Amino acid sequence: MTANVTGRKSNSNQDTTIAALVHISGLFFGFFAIVFVYLVSDDEFAKANAANALNWHVPISLMAILVVIIGIGVSELAGVAIAIIIAMATICFALIASMKAYQGREWKYPIVPQII
C-alpha cells in the first residue's frame, strides 16, 4: 500500500482510474455519468471525486441554461462569449482534476460551493 499527499491509502490502480474517468465523463455525458458513479461506487476515493465533479457540473449546467436565456434575450454575442469561457474552464478543470485523481489526490474545483 502507498500513501499519497492527502494521507489516503491507495491499494489498486482501479480506484484511481475510475476517479480520473469520472471527471472526463462529465465532459462527454454531463453530470449523468457522474451521478451514476456516485450512487453505484463503493470506493470512497471514487465517490469523493464524483462529489467534487458534481459540485462543478450541476451549477455549470444551471449556468448553461442562464447563458441560453442571455443569448436569446439580450445578445447572441454575449451568450456565445460566456459559453466559450464556461466550456474552456470546464475542459481545463476536468483535465486537472482527472490528472490529480489518477495520481491519487483529490482536487476540489475552484469557485463553486461544496454542495455534495
PDB file of N, CA and C in Angstrom:
ATOM      1  N   MET A   1       0.832  -1.178   0.000  1.00  0.00           N
ATOM      2  CA  MET A   1       0.000   0.000   0.000  1.00  0.00           C
ATOM      3  C   MET A   1       0.877   1.241   0.000  1.00  0.00           C
ATOM      4  N   THR A   2       0.423   2.254  -0.694  1.00  0.00           N
ATOM      5  CA  THR A   2       1.162   3.505  -0.726  1.00  0.00           C
ATOM      6  C   THR A   2       0.285   4.615  -0.186  1.00  0.00           C
ATOM      7  N   ALA A   3       0.891   5.590   0.420  1.00  0.00           N
ATOM      8  CA  ALA A   3       0.143   6.743   0.927  1.00  0.00           C
ATOM      9  C   ALA A   3       0.393   7.921   0.001  1.00  0.00           C
ATOM     10  N   ASN A   4      -0.650   8.680  -0.256  1.00  0.00           N
ATOM     11  CA  ASN A   4      -0.492   9.851  -1.124  1.00  0.00           C
ATOM     12  C   ASN A   4      -0.418  11.112  -0.272  1.00  0.00           C
ATOM     13  N   VAL A   5      -0.457  12.253  -0.926  1.00  0.00           N
ATOM     14  CA  VAL A   5      -0.304  13.533  -0.242  1.00  0.00           C
ATOM     15  C   VAL A   5      -1.429  13.769   0.765  1.00  0.00           C
ATOM     16  N   THR A   6      -2.644  13.338   0.453  1.00  0.00           N
ATOM     17  CA  THR A   6      -3.765  13.568   1.357  1.00  0.00           C
ATOM     18  C   THR A   6      -3.803  12.549   2.482  1.00  0.00           C
ATOM     19  N   GLY A   7      -2.888  11.575   2.474  1.00  0.00           N
ATOM     20  CA  GLY A   7      -2.848  10.583   3.530  1.00  0.00           C
ATOM     21  C   GLY A   7      -3.709   9.373   3.245  1.00  0.00           C
ATOM     22  N   ARG A   8      -4.423   9.363   2.157  1.00  0.00           N
ATOM     23  CA  ARG A   8      -5.287   8.250   1.796  1.00  0.00           C
ATOM     24  C   ARG A   8      -4.447   7.094   1.303  1.00  0.00           C
ATOM     25  N   LYS A   9      -4.761   5.903   1.740  1.00  0.00           N
ATOM     26  CA  LYS A   9      -4.040   4.712   1.298  1.00  0.00           C
ATOM     27  C   LYS A   9      -4.608   4.241  -0.031  1.00  0.00           C
ATOM     28  N   SER A  10      -3.724   4.011  -0.982  1.00  0.00           N
ATOM     29  CA  SER A  10      -4.137   3.543  -2.295  1.00  0.00           C
ATOM     30  C   SER A  10      -3.648   2.115  -2.471  1.00  0.00           C
ATOM     31  N   ASN A  11      -4.568   1.173  -2.712  1.00  0.00           N
ATOM     32  CA  ASN A  11      -4.147  -0.213  -2.831  1.00  0.00           C
ATOM     33  C   ASN A  11      -4.365  -0.788  -4.217  1.00  0.00           C
ATOM     34  N   SER A  12      -4.909  -0.032  -5.148  1.00  0.00           N
ATOM     35  CA  SER A  12      -5.072  -0.538  -6.509  1.00  0.00           C
ATOM     36  C   SER A  12      -5.109   0.628  -7.479  1.00  0.00           C
ATOM     37  N   ASN A  13      -4.878   0.327  -8.738  1.00  0.00           N
ATOM     38  CA  ASN A  13      -4.982   1.353  -9.763  1.00  0.00           C
ATOM     39  C   ASN A  13      -6.419   1.549 -10.218  1.00  0.00           C
ATOM     40  N   GLN A  14      -7.279   0.588  -9.941  1.00  0.00           N
ATOM     41  CA  GLN A  14      -8.652   0.678 -10.408  1.00  0.00           C
ATOM     42  C   GLN A  14      -9.382   1.863  -9.785  1.00  0.00           C
ATOM     43  N   ASP A  15      -9.219   2.086  -8.493  1.00  0.00           N
ATOM     44  CA  ASP A  15      -9.955   3.179  -7.861  1.00  0.00           C
ATOM     45  C   ASP A  15      -9.481   4.540  -8.385  1.00  0.00           C
ATOM     46  N   THR A  16      -8.187   4.703  -8.654  1.00  0.00           N
ATOM     47  CA  THR A  16      -7.728   5.978  -9.194  1.00  0.00           C
ATOM     48  C   THR A  16      -8.147   6.136 -10.650  1.00  0.00           C
ATOM     49  N   THR A  17      -8.217   5.042 -11.382  1.00  0.00           N
ATOM     50  CA  THR A  17      -8.651   5.113 -12.778  1.00  0.00           C
ATOM     51  C   THR A  17     -10.120   5.514 -12.862  1.00  0.00           C
ATOM     52  N   ILE A  18     -10.945   4.909 -12.044  1.00  0.00           N
ATOM     53  CA  ILE A  18     -12.372   5.258 -12.036  1.00  0.00           C
ATOM     54  C   ILE A  18     -12.551   6.709 -11.603  1.00  0.00           C
ATOM     55  N   ALA A  19     -11.802   7.116 -10.585  1.00  0.00           N
ATOM     56  CA  ALA A  19     -11.902   8.501 -10.113  1.00  0.00           C
ATOM     57  C   ALA A  19     -11.465   9.482 -11.194  1.00  0.00           C
ATOM     58  N   ALA A  20     -10.429   9.132 -11.952  1.00  0.00           N
ATOM     59  CA  ALA A  20      -9.967  10.006 -13.035  1.00  0.00           C
ATOM     60  C   ALA A  20     -10.987  10.055 -14.169  1.00  0.00           C
ATOM     61  N   LEU A  21     -11.577   8.922 -14.485  1.00  0.00           N
ATOM     62  CA  LEU A  21     -12.552   8.876 -15.577  1.00  0.00           C
ATOM     63  C   LEU A  21     -13.850   9.591 -15.233  1.00  0.00           C
ATOM     64  N   VAL A  22     -14.144   9.715 -13.945  1.00  0.00           N
ATOM     65  CA  VAL A  22     -15.352  10.443 -13.527  1.00  0.00           C
ATOM     66  C   VAL A  22     -15.312  11.877 -14.055  1.00  0.00           C
ATOM     67  N   HIS A  23     -14.163  12.513 -13.930  1.00  0.00           N
ATOM     68  CA  HIS A  23     -14.041  13.912 -14.351  1.00  0.00           C
ATOM     69  C   HIS A  23     -14.128  14.047 -15.868  1.00  0.00           C
ATOM     70  N   ILE A  24     -13.517  13.121 -16.597  1.00  0.00           N
ATOM     71  CA  ILE A  24     -13.563  13.153 -18.059  1.00  0.00           C
ATOM     72  C   ILE A  24     -14.968  12.830 -18.563  1.00  0.00           C
ATOM     73  N   SER A  25     -15.654  11.905 -17.883  1.00  0.00           N
ATOM     74  CA  SER A  25     -17.008  11.544 -18.330  1.00  0.00           C
ATOM     75  C   SER A  25     -17.969  12.728 -18.240  1.00  0.00           C
ATOM     76  N   GLY A  26     -17.706  13.646 -17.326  1.00  0.00           N
ATOM     77  CA  GLY A  26     -18.535  14.843 -17.221  1.00  0.00           C
ATOM     78  C   GLY A  26     -18.478  15.701 -18.472  1.00  0.00           C
ATOM     79  N   LEU A  27     -17.353  15.659 -19.182  1.00  0.00           N
ATOM     80  CA  LEU A  27     -17.228  16.427 -20.425  1.00  0.00           C
ATOM     81  C   LEU A  27     -18.106  15.858 -21.533  1.00  0.00           C
ATOM     82  N   PHE A  28     -18.254  14.544 -21.549  1.00  0.00           N
ATOM     83  CA  PHE A  28     -18.981  13.889 -22.639  1.00  0.00           C
ATOM     84  C   PHE A  28     -20.442  13.598 -22.310  1.00  0.00           C
ATOM     85  N   PHE A  29     -20.729  13.275 -21.051  1.00  0.00           N
ATOM     86  CA  PHE A  29     -22.080  12.853 -20.690  1.00  0.00           C
ATOM     87  C   PHE A  29     -22.763  13.773 -19.684  1.00  0.00           C
ATOM     88  N   GLY A  30     -22.146  14.892 -19.369  1.00  0.00           N
ATOM     89  CA  GLY A  30     -22.715  15.780 -18.376  1.00  0.00           C
ATOM     90  C   GLY A  30     -22.664  15.147 -17.007  1.00  0.00           C
ATOM     91  N   PHE A  31     -23.565  15.531 -16.144  1.00  0.00           N
ATOM     92  CA  PHE A  31     -23.494  15.024 -14.779  1.00  0.00           C
ATOM     93  C   PHE A  31     -24.185  13.674 -14.606  1.00  0.00           C
ATOM     94  N   PHE A  32     -24.776  13.108 -15.660  1.00  0.00           N
ATOM     95  CA  PHE A  32     -25.471  11.831 -15.534  1.00  0.00           C
ATOM     96  C   PHE A  32     -24.520  10.677 -15.212  1.00  0.00           C
ATOM     97  N   ALA A  33     -23.382  10.610 -15.894  1.00  0.00           N
ATOM     98  CA  ALA A  33     -22.393   9.555 -15.627  1.00  0.00           C
ATOM     99  C   ALA A  33     -21.779   9.744 -14.243  1.00  0.00           C
ATOM    100  N   ILE A  34     -21.598  10.990 -13.841  1.00  0.00           N
ATOM    101  CA  ILE A  34     -21.012  11.274 -12.529  1.00  0.00           C
ATOM    102  C   ILE A  34     -21.964  10.827 -11.423  1.00  0.00           C
ATOM    103  N   VAL A  35     -23.249  11.104 -11.589  1.00  0.00           N
ATOM    104  CA  VAL A  35     -24.252  10.670 -10.611  1.00  0.00           C
ATOM    105  C   VAL A  35     -24.270   9.152 -10.520  1.00  0.00           C
ATOM    106  N   PHE A  36     -24.161   8.477 -11.658  1.00  0.00           N
ATOM    107  CA  PHE A  36     -24.142   7.016 -11.673  1.00  0.00           C
ATOM    108  C   PHE A  36     -22.985   6.482 -10.835  1.00  0.00           C
ATOM    109  N   VAL A  37     -21.787   7.019 -11.046  1.00  0.00           N
ATOM    110  CA  VAL A  37     -20.617   6.569 -10.281  1.00  0.00           C
ATOM    111  C   VAL A  37     -20.799   6.894  -8.806  1.00  0.00           C
ATOM    112  N   TYR A  38     -21.323   8.075  -8.520  1.00  0.00           N
ATOM    113  CA  TYR A  38     -21.523   8.478  -7.124  1.00  0.00           C
ATOM    114  C   TYR A  38     -22.487   7.532  -6.408  1.00  0.00           C
ATOM    115  N   LEU A  39     -23.532   7.108  -7.086  1.00  0.00           N
ATOM    116  CA  LEU A  39     -24.530   6.244  -6.454  1.00  0.00           C
ATOM    117  C   LEU A  39     -24.114   4.783  -6.406  1.00  0.00           C
ATOM    118  N   VAL A  40     -23.367   4.309  -7.400  1.00  0.00           N
ATOM    119  CA  VAL A  40     -23.060   2.887  -7.518  1.00  0.00           C
ATOM    120  C   VAL A  40     -21.740   2.508  -6.855  1.00  0.00           C
ATOM    121  N   SER A  41     -20.771   3.393  -6.884  1.00  0.00           N
ATOM    122  CA  SER A  41     -19.432   3.046  -6.414  1.00  0.00           C
ATOM    123  C   SER A  41     -19.397   2.833  -4.902  1.00  0.00           C
ATOM    124  N   ASP A  42     -18.626   1.836  -4.485  1.00  0.00           N
ATOM    125  CA  ASP A  42     -18.417   1.614  -3.063  1.00  0.00           C
ATOM    126  C   ASP A  42     -17.023   2.078  -2.630  1.00  0.00           C
ATOM    127  N   ASP A  43     -16.235   2.570  -3.568  1.00  0.00           N
ATOM    128  CA  ASP A  43     -14.908   3.076  -3.270  1.00  0.00           C
ATOM    129  C   ASP A  43     -15.018   4.537  -2.821  1.00  0.00           C
ATOM    130  N   GLU A  44     -14.484   4.834  -1.653  1.00  0.00           N
ATOM    131  CA  GLU A  44     -14.591   6.180  -1.088  1.00  0.00           C
ATOM    132  C   GLU A  44     -13.878   7.236  -1.932  1.00  0.00           C
ATOM    133  N   PHE A  45     -12.728   6.871  -2.521  1.00  0.00           N
ATOM    134  CA  PHE A  45     -11.973   7.835  -3.324  1.00  0.00           C
ATOM    135  C   PHE A  45     -12.735   8.188  -4.599  1.00  0.00           C
ATOM    136  N   ALA A  46     -13.296   7.194  -5.272  1.00  0.00           N
ATOM    137  CA  ALA A  46     -14.083   7.455  -6.482  1.00  0.00           C
ATOM    138  C   ALA A  46     -15.330   8.256  -6.140  1.00  0.00           C
ATOM    139  N   LYS A  47     -15.940   7.948  -5.014  1.00  0.00           N
ATOM    140  CA  LYS A  47     -17.145   8.665  -4.591  1.00  0.00           C
ATOM    141  C   LYS A  47     -16.825  10.122  -4.250  1.00  0.00           C
ATOM    142  N   ALA A  48     -15.683  10.371  -3.600  1.00  0.00           N
ATOM    143  CA  ALA A  48     -15.285  11.736  -3.265  1.00  0.00           C
ATOM    144  C   ALA A  48     -14.995  12.537  -4.532  1.00  0.00           C
ATOM    145  N   ASN A  49     -14.364  11.909  -5.519  1.00  0.00           N
ATOM    146  CA  ASN A  49     -14.103  12.597  -6.783  1.00  0.00           C
ATOM    147  C   ASN A  49     -15.384  12.842  -7.555  1.00  0.00           C
ATOM    148  N   ALA A  50     -16.324  11.912  -7.481  1.00  0.00           N
ATOM    149  CA  ALA A  50     -17.616  12.117  -8.130  1.00  0.00           C
ATOM    150  C   ALA A  50     -18.352  13.283  -7.476  1.00  0.00           C
ATOM    151  N   ALA A  51     -18.269  13.394  -6.159  1.00  0.00           N
ATOM    152  CA  ALA A  51     -18.902  14.520  -5.461  1.00  0.00           C
ATOM    153  C   ALA A  51     -18.261  15.839  -5.882  1.00  0.00           C
ATOM    154  N   ASN A  52     -16.935  15.863  -5.997  1.00  0.00           N
ATOM    155  CA  ASN A  52     -16.257  17.077  -6.452  1.00  0.00           C
ATOM    156  C   ASN A  52     -16.683  17.447  -7.865  1.00  0.00           C
ATOM    157  N   ALA A  53     -16.781  16.456  -8.733  1.00  0.00           N
ATOM    158  CA  ALA A  53     -17.189  16.711 -10.114  1.00  0.00           C
ATOM    159  C   ALA A  53     -18.642  17.195 -10.166  1.00  0.00           C
ATOM    160  N   LEU A  54     -19.496  16.610  -9.345  1.00  0.00           N
ATOM    161  CA  LEU A  54     -20.892  17.064  -9.310  1.00  0.00           C
ATOM    162  C   LEU A  54     -21.003  18.498  -8.809  1.00  0.00           C
ATOM    163  N   ASN A  55     -20.152  18.852  -7.845  1.00  0.00           N
ATOM    164  CA  ASN A  55     -20.159  20.229  -7.342  1.00  0.00           C
ATOM    165  C   ASN A  55     -19.823  21.228  -8.440  1.00  0.00           C
ATOM    166  N   TRP A  56     -19.127  20.803  -9.462  1.00  0.00           N
ATOM    167  CA  TRP A  56     -18.831  21.681 -10.602  1.00  0.00           C
ATOM    168  C   TRP A  56     -19.920  21.582 -11.664  1.00  0.00           C
ATOM    169  N   HIS A  57     -20.267  20.371 -12.078  1.00  0.00           N
ATOM    170  CA  HIS A  57     -21.114  20.190 -13.259  1.00  0.00           C
ATOM    171  C   HIS A  57     -22.578  20.572 -13.041  1.00  0.00           C
ATOM    172  N   VAL A  58     -23.099  20.396 -11.849  1.00  0.00           N
ATOM    173  CA  VAL A  58     -24.503  20.777 -11.619  1.00  0.00           C
ATOM    174  C   VAL A  58     -24.682  22.300 -11.716  1.00  0.00           C
ATOM    175  N   PRO A  59     -23.892  23.112 -11.005  1.00  0.00           N
ATOM    176  CA  PRO A  59     -24.053  24.562 -11.170  1.00  0.00           C
ATOM    177  C   PRO A  59     -23.738  25.046 -12.587  1.00  0.00           C
ATOM    178  N   ILE A  60     -22.770  24.406 -13.233  1.00  0.00           N
ATOM    179  CA  ILE A  60     -22.423  24.807 -14.596  1.00  0.00           C
ATOM    180  C   ILE A  60     -23.568  24.482 -15.554  1.00  0.00           C
ATOM    181  N   SER A  61     -24.259  23.367 -15.331  1.00  0.00           N
ATOM    182  CA  SER A  61     -25.420  23.041 -16.167  1.00  0.00           C
ATOM    183  C   SER A  61     -26.522  24.078 -15.980  1.00  0.00           C
ATOM    184  N   LEU A  62     -26.722  24.500 -14.748  1.00  0.00           N
ATOM    185  CA  LEU A  62     -27.710  25.551 -14.496  1.00  0.00           C
ATOM    186  C   LEU A  62     -27.280  26.873 -15.126  1.00  0.00           C
ATOM    187  N   MET A  63     -25.985  27.138 -15.083  1.00  0.00           N
ATOM    188  CA  MET A  63     -25.470  28.345 -15.707  1.00  0.00           C
ATOM    189  C   MET A  63     -25.629  28.293 -17.226  1.00  0.00           C
ATOM    190  N   ALA A  64     -25.532  27.117 -17.807  1.00  0.00           N
ATOM    191  CA  ALA A  64     -25.718  26.971 -19.258  1.00  0.00           C
ATOM    192  C   ALA A  64     -27.136  27.380 -19.659  1.00  0.00           C
ATOM    193  N   ILE A  65     -28.099  27.036 -18.824  1.00  0.00           N
ATOM    194  CA  ILE A  65     -29.478  27.451 -19.093  1.00  0.00           C
ATOM    195  C   ILE A  65     -29.572  28.975 -19.057  1.00  0.00           C
ATOM    196  N   LEU A  66     -28.906  29.589 -18.089  1.00  0.00           N
ATOM    197  CA  LEU A  66     -28.878  31.046 -17.993  1.00  0.00           C
ATOM    198  C   LEU A  66     -28.209  31.675 -19.218  1.00  0.00           C
ATOM    199  N   VAL A  67     -27.157  31.054 -19.710  1.00  0.00           N
ATOM    200  CA  VAL A  67     -26.454  31.558 -20.896  1.00  0.00           C
ATOM    201  C   VAL A  67     -27.365  31.511 -22.119  1.00  0.00           C
ATOM    202  N   VAL A  68     -28.163  30.459 -22.238  1.00  0.00           N
ATOM    203  CA  VAL A  68     -29.108  30.370 -23.347  1.00  0.00           C
ATOM    204  C   VAL A  68     -30.126  31.496 -23.264  1.00  0.00           C
ATOM    205  N   ILE A  69     -30.602  31.761 -22.068  1.00  0.00           N
ATOM    206  CA  ILE A  69     -31.568  32.852 -21.886  1.00  0.00           C
ATOM    207  C   ILE A  69     -30.925  34.195 -22.228  1.00  0.00           C
ATOM    208  N   ILE A  70     -29.684  34.392 -21.794  1.00  0.00           N
ATOM    209  CA  ILE A  70     -28.970  35.633 -22.135  1.00  0.00           C
ATOM    210  C   ILE A  70     -28.788  35.732 -23.642  1.00  0.00           C
ATOM    211  N   GLY A  71     -28.415  34.628 -24.261  1.00  0.00           N
ATOM    212  CA  GLY A  71     -28.202  34.615 -25.707  1.00  0.00           C
ATOM    213  C   GLY A  71     -29.464  34.936 -26.484  1.00  0.00           C
ATOM    214  N   ILE A  72     -30.593  34.428 -26.017  1.00  0.00           N
ATOM    215  CA  ILE A  72     -31.860  34.677 -26.712  1.00  0.00           C
ATOM    216  C   ILE A  72     -32.381  36.084 -26.410  1.00  0.00           C
ATOM    217  N   GLY A  73     -32.329  36.466 -25.139  1.00  0.00           N
ATOM    218  CA  GLY A  73     -32.965  37.713 -24.738  1.00  0.00           C
ATOM    219  C   GLY A  73     -32.115  38.951 -24.869  1.00  0.00           C
ATOM    220  N   VAL A  74     -30.843  38.861 -24.586  1.00  0.00           N
ATOM    221  CA  VAL A  74     -30.019  40.059 -24.525  1.00  0.00           C
ATOM    222  C   VAL A  74     -29.157  40.195 -25.769  1.00  0.00           C
ATOM    223  N   SER A  75     -28.228  39.276 -25.928  1.00  0.00           N
ATOM    224  CA  SER A  75     -27.286  39.392 -27.027  1.00  0.00           C
ATOM    225  C   SER A  75     -26.703  38.020 -27.350  1.00  0.00           C
ATOM    226  N   GLU A  76     -26.781  37.656 -28.615  1.00  0.00           N
ATOM    227  CA  GLU A  76     -26.193  36.382 -29.022  1.00  0.00           C
ATOM    228  C   GLU A  76     -24.690  36.394 -28.822  1.00  0.00           C
ATOM    229  N   LEU A  77     -24.056  37.523 -29.084  1.00  0.00           N
ATOM    230  CA  LEU A  77     -22.605  37.630 -28.922  1.00  0.00           C
ATOM    231  C   LEU A  77     -22.201  37.420 -27.465  1.00  0.00           C
ATOM    232  N   ALA A  78     -22.938  38.010 -26.539  1.00  0.00           N
ATOM    233  CA  ALA A  78     -22.638  37.836 -25.117  1.00  0.00           C
ATOM    234  C   ALA A  78     -22.852  36.387 -24.695  1.00  0.00           C
ATOM    235  N   GLY A  79     -23.916  35.778 -25.175  1.00  0.00           N
ATOM    236  CA  GLY A  79     -24.192  34.379 -24.855  1.00  0.00           C
ATOM    237  C   GLY A  79     -23.108  33.451 -25.365  1.00  0.00           C
ATOM    238  N   VAL A  80     -22.651  33.675 -26.582  1.00  0.00           N
ATOM    239  CA  VAL A  80     -21.593  32.848 -27.163  1.00  0.00           C
ATOM    240  C   VAL A  80     -20.282  33.057 -26.414  1.00  0.00           C
ATOM    241  N   ALA A  81     -19.963  34.298 -26.077  1.00  0.00           N
ATOM    242  CA  ALA A  81     -18.721  34.583 -25.357  1.00  0.00           C
ATOM    243  C   ALA A  81     -18.713  33.907 -23.983  1.00  0.00           C
ATOM    244  N   ILE A  82     -19.812  34.000 -23.266  1.00  0.00           N
ATOM    245  CA  ILE A  82     -19.907  33.363 -21.946  1.00  0.00           C
ATOM    246  C   ILE A  82     -19.839  31.847 -22.087  1.00  0.00           C
ATOM    247  N   ALA A  83     -20.492  31.297 -23.100  1.00  0.00           N
ATOM    248  CA  ALA A  83     -20.475  29.854 -23.315  1.00  0.00           C
ATOM    249  C   ALA A  83     -19.062  29.358 -23.609  1.00  0.00           C
ATOM    250  N   ILE A  84     -18.295  30.112 -24.383  1.00  0.00           N
ATOM    251  CA  ILE A  84     -16.918  29.721 -24.689  1.00  0.00           C
ATOM    252  C   ILE A  84     -16.059  29.750 -23.425  1.00  0.00           C
ATOM    253  N   ILE A  85     -16.228  30.753 -22.598  1.00  0.00           N
ATOM    254  CA  ILE A  85     -15.469  30.844 -21.349  1.00  0.00           C
ATOM    255  C   ILE A  85     -15.805  29.675 -20.424  1.00  0.00           C
ATOM    256  N   ILE A  86     -17.084  29.370 -20.304  1.00  0.00           N
ATOM    257  CA  ILE A  86     -17.511  28.257 -19.455  1.00  0.00           C
ATOM    258  C   ILE A  86     -16.973  26.934 -19.995  1.00  0.00           C
ATOM    259  N   ALA A  87     -17.029  26.741 -21.296  1.00  0.00           N
ATOM    260  CA  ALA A  87     -16.535  25.496 -21.898  1.00  0.00           C
ATOM    261  C   ALA A  87     -15.033  25.333 -21.685  1.00  0.00           C
ATOM    262  N   MET A  88     -14.282  26.398 -21.881  1.00  0.00           N
ATOM    263  CA  MET A  88     -12.830  26.322 -21.680  1.00  0.00           C
ATOM    264  C   MET A  88     -12.488  26.033 -20.220  1.00  0.00           C
ATOM    265  N   ALA A  89     -13.182  26.672 -19.293  1.00  0.00           N
ATOM    266  CA  ALA A  89     -12.938  26.422 -17.868  1.00  0.00           C
ATOM    267  C   ALA A  89     -13.283  24.987 -17.494  1.00  0.00           C
ATOM    268  N   THR A  90     -14.396  24.487 -18.022  1.00  0.00           N
ATOM    269  CA  THR A  90     -14.813  23.122 -17.720  1.00  0.00           C
ATOM    270  C   THR A  90     -13.801  22.113 -18.237  1.00  0.00           C
ATOM    271  N   ILE A  91     -13.322  22.296 -19.442  1.00  0.00           N
ATOM    272  CA  ILE A  91     -12.330  21.375 -20.007  1.00  0.00           C
ATOM    273  C   ILE A  91     -11.037  21.419 -19.195  1.00  0.00           C
ATOM    274  N   CYS A  92     -10.545  22.609 -18.907  1.00  0.00           N
ATOM    275  CA  CYS A  92      -9.293  22.743 -18.138  1.00  0.00           C
ATOM    276  C   CYS A  92      -9.428  22.137 -16.749  1.00  0.00           C
ATOM    277  N   PHE A  93     -10.502  22.473 -16.043  1.00  0.00           N
ATOM    278  CA  PHE A  93     -10.679  21.976 -14.682  1.00  0.00           C
ATOM    279  C   PHE A  93     -10.869  20.458 -14.662  1.00  0.00           C
ATOM    280  N   ALA A  94     -11.596  19.922 -15.633  1.00  0.00           N
ATOM    281  CA  ALA A  94     -11.796  18.472 -15.681  1.00  0.00           C
ATOM    282  C   ALA A  94     -10.482  17.744 -15.935  1.00  0.00           C
ATOM    283  N   LEU A  95      -9.648  18.285 -16.801  1.00  0.00           N
ATOM    284  CA  LEU A  95      -8.347  17.660 -17.071  1.00  0.00           C
ATOM    285  C   LEU A  95      -7.440  17.733 -15.845  1.00  0.00           C
ATOM    286  N   ILE A  96      -7.425  18.868 -15.161  1.00  0.00           N
ATOM    287  CA  ILE A  96      -6.617  18.993 -13.942  1.00  0.00           C
ATOM    288  C   ILE A  96      -7.101  18.008 -12.880  1.00  0.00           C
ATOM    289  N   ALA A  97      -8.413  17.977 -12.659  1.00  0.00           N
ATOM    290  CA  ALA A  97      -8.978  17.082 -11.647  1.00  0.00           C
ATOM    291  C   ALA A  97      -8.728  15.626 -11.999  1.00  0.00           C
ATOM    292  N   SER A  98      -8.805  15.291 -13.277  1.00  0.00           N
ATOM    293  CA  SER A  98      -8.562  13.922 -13.718  1.00  0.00           C
ATOM    294  C   SER A  98      -7.116  13.510 -13.464  1.00  0.00           C
ATOM    295  N   MET A  99      -6.180  14.390 -13.781  1.00  0.00           N
ATOM    296  CA  MET A  99      -4.767  14.076 -13.541  1.00  0.00           C
ATOM    297  C   MET A  99      -4.486  13.928 -12.041  1.00  0.00           C
ATOM    298  N   LYS A 100      -5.054  14.808 -11.227  1.00  0.00           N
ATOM    299  CA  LYS A 100      -4.857  14.711  -9.779  1.00  0.00           C
ATOM    300  C   LYS A 100      -5.456  13.416  -9.241  1.00  0.00           C
ATOM    301  N   ALA A 101      -6.639  13.043  -9.708  1.00  0.00           N
ATOM    302  CA  ALA A 101      -7.279  11.817  -9.248  1.00  0.00           C
ATOM    303  C   ALA A 101      -6.464  10.593  -9.646  1.00  0.00           C
ATOM    304  N   TYR A 102      -5.914  10.604 -10.836  1.00  0.00           N
ATOM    305  CA  TYR A 102      -5.101   9.473 -11.278  1.00  0.00           C
ATOM    306  C   TYR A 102      -3.836   9.348 -10.432  1.00  0.00           C
ATOM    307  N   GLN A 103      -3.348  10.458  -9.915  1.00  0.00           N
ATOM    308  CA  GLN A 103      -2.185  10.451  -9.033  1.00  0.00           C
ATOM    309  C   GLN A 103      -2.560  10.071  -7.603  1.00  0.00           C
ATOM    310  N   GLY A 104      -3.858   9.926  -7.354  1.00  0.00           N
ATOM    311  CA  GLY A 104      -4.314   9.533  -6.027  1.00  0.00           C
ATOM    312  C   GLY A 104      -4.636  10.682  -5.106  1.00  0.00           C
ATOM    313  N   ARG A 105      -4.778  11.887  -5.645  1.00  0.00           N
ATOM    314  CA  ARG A 105      -5.076  13.069  -4.836  1.00  0.00           C
ATOM    315  C   ARG A 105      -6.429  13.635  -5.227  1.00  0.00           C
ATOM    316  N   GLU A 106      -7.158  14.128  -4.235  1.00  0.00           N
ATOM    317  CA  GLU A 106      -8.418  14.813  -4.528  1.00  0.00           C
ATOM    318  C   GLU A 106      -8.125  16.260  -4.882  1.00  0.00           C
ATOM    319  N   TRP A 107      -8.921  16.807  -5.784  1.00  0.00           N
ATOM    320  CA  TRP A 107      -8.784  18.205  -6.156  1.00  0.00           C
ATOM    321  C   TRP A 107     -10.177  18.800  -6.228  1.00  0.00           C
ATOM    322  N   LYS A 108     -10.402  19.831  -5.470  1.00  0.00           N
ATOM    323  CA  LYS A 108     -11.709  20.483  -5.461  1.00  0.00           C
ATOM    324  C   LYS A 108     -11.726  21.579  -6.530  1.00  0.00           C
ATOM    325  N   TYR A 109     -12.789  21.586  -7.313  1.00  0.00           N
ATOM    326  CA  TYR A 109     -12.947  22.594  -8.354  1.00  0.00           C
ATOM    327  C   TYR A 109     -13.048  23.977  -7.708  1.00  0.00           C
ATOM    328  N   PRO A 110     -12.387  24.977  -8.280  1.00  0.00           N
ATOM    329  CA  PRO A 110     -12.460  26.310  -7.688  1.00  0.00           C
ATOM    330  C   PRO A 110     -13.786  27.007  -7.990  1.00  0.00           C
ATOM    331  N   ILE A 111     -14.085  28.022  -7.269  1.00  0.00           N
ATOM    332  CA  ILE A 111     -15.192  28.949  -7.482  1.00  0.00           C
ATOM    333  C   ILE A 111     -16.529  28.406  -6.984  1.00  0.00           C
ATOM    334  N   VAL A 112     -16.816  27.133  -7.184  1.00  0.00           N
ATOM    335  CA  VAL A 112     -18.146  26.598  -6.869  1.00  0.00           C
ATOM    336  C   VAL A 112     -18.232  26.170  -5.406  1.00  0.00           C
ATOM    337  N   PRO A 113     -19.430  26.254  -4.824  1.00  0.00           N
ATOM    338  CA  PRO A 113     -19.607  25.817  -3.436  1.00  0.00           C
ATOM    339  C   PRO A 113     -19.606  24.288  -3.330  1.00  0.00           C
ATOM    340  N   GLN A 114     -19.278  23.797  -2.166  1.00  0.00           N
ATOM    341  CA  GLN A 114     -19.283  22.351  -1.918  1.00  0.00           C
ATOM    342  C   GLN A 114     -20.706  21.947  -1.496  1.00  0.00           C
ATOM    343  N   ILE A 115     -21.529  21.576  -2.475  1.00  0.00           N
ATOM    344  CA  ILE A 115     -22.924  21.235  -2.230  1.00  0.00           C
ATOM    345  C   ILE A 115     -23.061  19.796  -1.743  1.00  0.00           C
ATOM    346  N   ILE A 116     -22.328  18.913  -2.392  1.00  0.00           N
ATOM    347  CA  ILE A 116     -22.441  17.471  -2.092  1.00  0.00           C
ATOM    348  C   ILE A 116     -21.294  17.028  -1.220  1.00  0.00           C
TER     349      ILE A 116
END
